[in-house]
């Protein structure tokens, strides 16, 4: 089932997220986030954008949300999308279900552009975005330093 996030989901979502912080380059956070910091993130984002979770048998297996792309007001109709699945839950169509719902909710909010910002290479995320009609519009070389290596970032864009 897909539902809106609740603040009491914070620890489960944080556990999902911190796995990626500590073990991968898909996020550029360098240290695990605290529960308080993640609660603040949930509160701030969900006040203005859809923030949803995928739950099965009372277990959260993933989450997705939209967020502000940049602070200047001309960007107000452009949103960055984010999705994380619990490690080991990839390949079960959970990401597709979450992303489809997120995009529907963003469309209802009259968002004009959705941007997926991906660390490259990341074949699974590229496939997910392109499945929903996103097109690659940028490839930034060596813009993030994580685990002692420079990382590339790609931007995928969907216009409603």
Protein backbone atom coordinates (compact mmCIF):
# COMPACT_ATOMS: atom_id res chain seq x y z
CA UNK A 1 0.00 0.00 0.00
CA UNK A 2 1.14 3.54 -0.72
CA UNK A 3 0.27 6.21 1.81
CA UNK A 4 1.36 9.62 3.00
CA UNK A 5 4.32 9.75 5.35
CA UNK A 6 3.78 10.08 9.11
CA UNK A 7 6.37 11.53 11.43
CA UNK A 8 6.41 8.22 13.32
CA UNK A 9 7.82 6.63 10.12
CA UNK A 10 11.01 8.62 10.59
CA UNK A 11 13.20 5.90 12.12
CA UNK A 12 12.28 3.33 9.47
CA UNK A 13 12.89 5.82 6.66
CA UNK A 14 16.12 6.94 8.26
CA UNK A 15 17.33 3.33 8.41
CA UNK A 16 16.63 2.99 4.67
CA UNK A 17 18.38 6.27 3.88
CA UNK A 18 21.41 5.83 6.11
CA UNK A 19 22.19 2.50 4.44
CA UNK A 20 22.79 4.47 1.22
CA UNK A 21 24.76 7.20 3.01
CA UNK A 22 27.19 4.75 4.56
CA UNK A 23 27.46 2.18 1.74
CA UNK A 24 26.88 3.90 -1.61
CA UNK A 25 27.45 7.03 -3.65
CA UNK A 26 23.78 7.52 -4.60
CA UNK A 27 23.52 10.27 -1.99
CA UNK A 28 26.19 12.86 -1.32
CA UNK A 29 25.60 12.97 2.41
CA UNK A 30 28.90 11.82 3.89
CA UNK A 31 27.73 10.86 7.39
CA UNK A 32 24.60 9.11 8.64
CA UNK A 33 21.82 11.55 9.51
CA UNK A 34 20.39 11.78 13.02
CA UNK A 35 16.77 10.99 13.78
CA UNK A 36 16.08 14.62 14.68
CA UNK A 37 17.55 15.84 11.39
CA UNK A 38 15.47 13.34 9.44
CA UNK A 39 12.29 14.27 11.31
CA UNK A 40 12.92 17.90 10.42
CA UNK A 41 13.42 16.89 6.78
CA UNK A 42 10.11 15.00 6.74
CA UNK A 43 8.26 17.91 8.35
CA UNK A 44 9.74 20.53 6.03
CA UNK A 45 9.23 18.59 2.82
CA UNK A 46 5.77 17.20 3.57
CA UNK A 47 4.47 20.69 4.42
CA UNK A 48 4.79 21.65 0.74
CA UNK A 49 5.26 18.53 -1.37
CA UNK A 50 4.02 14.95 -1.61
CA UNK A 51 6.01 12.57 0.61
CA UNK A 52 4.81 8.98 0.34
CA UNK A 53 5.82 5.56 1.62
CA UNK A 54 5.32 2.04 0.31
CA UNK A 55 4.25 -0.32 3.05
CA UNK A 56 3.68 -4.07 2.90
CA UNK A 57 2.75 -6.23 5.90
CA UNK A 58 3.41 -3.26 8.24
CA UNK A 59 6.95 -2.89 6.88
CA UNK A 60 8.09 0.20 4.98
CA UNK A 61 9.95 -0.92 1.88
CA UNK A 62 10.51 2.46 0.24
CA UNK A 63 9.62 6.11 0.06
CA UNK A 64 9.50 8.95 -2.44
CA UNK A 65 8.99 12.68 -2.31
CA UNK A 66 9.18 15.89 -4.26
CA UNK A 67 11.16 18.85 -2.99
CA UNK A 68 12.20 22.38 -3.86
CA UNK A 69 14.71 22.42 -6.71
CA UNK A 70 16.26 25.83 -6.00
CA UNK A 71 15.29 28.68 -3.66
CA UNK A 72 14.61 31.47 -6.18
CA UNK A 73 10.88 32.00 -6.86
CA UNK A 74 11.11 31.52 -10.64
CA UNK A 75 11.82 27.83 -9.89
CA UNK A 76 8.60 27.33 -7.87
CA UNK A 77 7.03 25.05 -10.51
CA UNK A 78 10.14 22.88 -10.82
CA UNK A 79 10.54 20.04 -8.33
CA UNK A 80 13.29 17.55 -7.63
CA UNK A 81 12.09 13.98 -7.14
CA UNK A 82 13.67 11.52 -4.73
CA UNK A 83 13.11 7.81 -4.19
CA UNK A 84 14.76 5.25 -1.92
CA UNK A 85 13.99 1.57 -1.52
CA UNK A 86 15.01 -0.58 1.40
CA UNK A 87 18.22 -2.40 0.50
CA UNK A 88 17.35 -5.75 -1.06
CA UNK A 89 13.88 -4.71 -2.23
CA UNK A 90 14.90 -3.62 -5.73
CA UNK A 91 13.47 -5.46 -8.73
CA UNK A 92 9.98 -5.94 -7.24
CA UNK A 93 8.28 -2.98 -9.00
CA UNK A 94 8.06 -1.07 -5.71
CA UNK A 95 10.01 1.82 -7.21
CA UNK A 96 7.69 1.96 -10.22
CA UNK A 97 4.60 1.99 -8.03
CA UNK A 98 6.01 4.71 -5.77
CA UNK A 99 7.26 6.84 -8.66
CA UNK A 100 4.00 6.55 -10.57
CA UNK A 101 2.06 7.74 -7.53
CA UNK A 102 4.53 10.54 -6.80
CA UNK A 103 4.32 11.84 -10.36
CA UNK A 104 0.51 11.76 -10.25
CA UNK A 105 0.54 13.78 -7.04
CA UNK A 106 3.02 16.29 -8.45
CA UNK A 107 0.87 16.70 -11.55
CA UNK A 108 -2.14 17.46 -9.33
CA UNK A 109 -0.06 20.20 -7.68
CA UNK A 110 0.44 21.73 -11.16
CA UNK A 111 4.19 21.17 -11.13
CA UNK A 112 5.62 21.96 -14.57
CA UNK A 113 9.00 20.17 -14.43
CA UNK A 114 10.24 17.23 -12.35
CA UNK A 115 13.99 16.65 -12.14
CA UNK A 116 15.68 13.42 -11.18
CA UNK A 117 19.24 14.05 -10.01
CA UNK A 118 21.27 10.83 -10.18
CA UNK A 119 24.79 9.86 -9.28
CA UNK A 120 26.26 8.18 -12.34
CA UNK A 121 26.60 5.40 -13.24
CA UNK A 122 23.27 4.13 -11.87
CA UNK A 123 21.56 1.91 -14.44
CA UNK A 124 18.55 1.01 -12.25
CA UNK A 125 17.68 4.63 -11.54
CA UNK A 126 18.22 5.66 -15.16
CA UNK A 127 15.84 2.87 -16.27
CA UNK A 128 13.23 3.93 -13.71
CA UNK A 129 13.30 7.56 -14.82
CA UNK A 130 13.24 6.76 -18.52
CA UNK A 131 10.34 4.34 -17.97
CA UNK A 132 8.29 7.36 -16.86
CA UNK A 133 9.36 9.54 -19.78
CA UNK A 134 12.24 11.45 -18.22
CA UNK A 135 14.98 12.53 -20.65
CA UNK A 136 18.59 13.13 -19.73
CA UNK A 137 19.35 16.85 -20.00
CA UNK A 138 22.74 17.14 -18.27
CA UNK A 139 25.80 15.19 -17.24
CA UNK A 140 28.01 16.97 -14.71
CA UNK A 141 31.48 15.50 -14.43
CA UNK A 142 33.26 15.00 -11.09
CA UNK A 143 31.03 17.31 -9.04
CA UNK A 144 30.85 15.27 -5.81
CA UNK A 145 33.67 13.74 -3.79
CA UNK A 146 32.66 10.65 -1.84
CA UNK A 147 34.72 7.74 -0.55
CA UNK A 148 37.79 9.45 -2.01
CA UNK A 149 36.47 9.36 -5.58
CA UNK A 150 34.96 12.03 -7.78
CA UNK A 151 31.38 11.29 -8.76
CA UNK A 152 29.39 12.36 -11.82
CA UNK A 153 25.78 13.54 -11.62
CA UNK A 154 23.12 13.37 -14.31
CA UNK A 155 19.89 15.34 -14.54
CA UNK A 156 16.78 13.69 -15.98
CA UNK A 157 13.80 15.94 -16.78
CA UNK A 158 10.09 15.30 -17.16
CA UNK A 159 7.85 18.16 -18.31
CA UNK A 160 4.11 17.95 -17.72
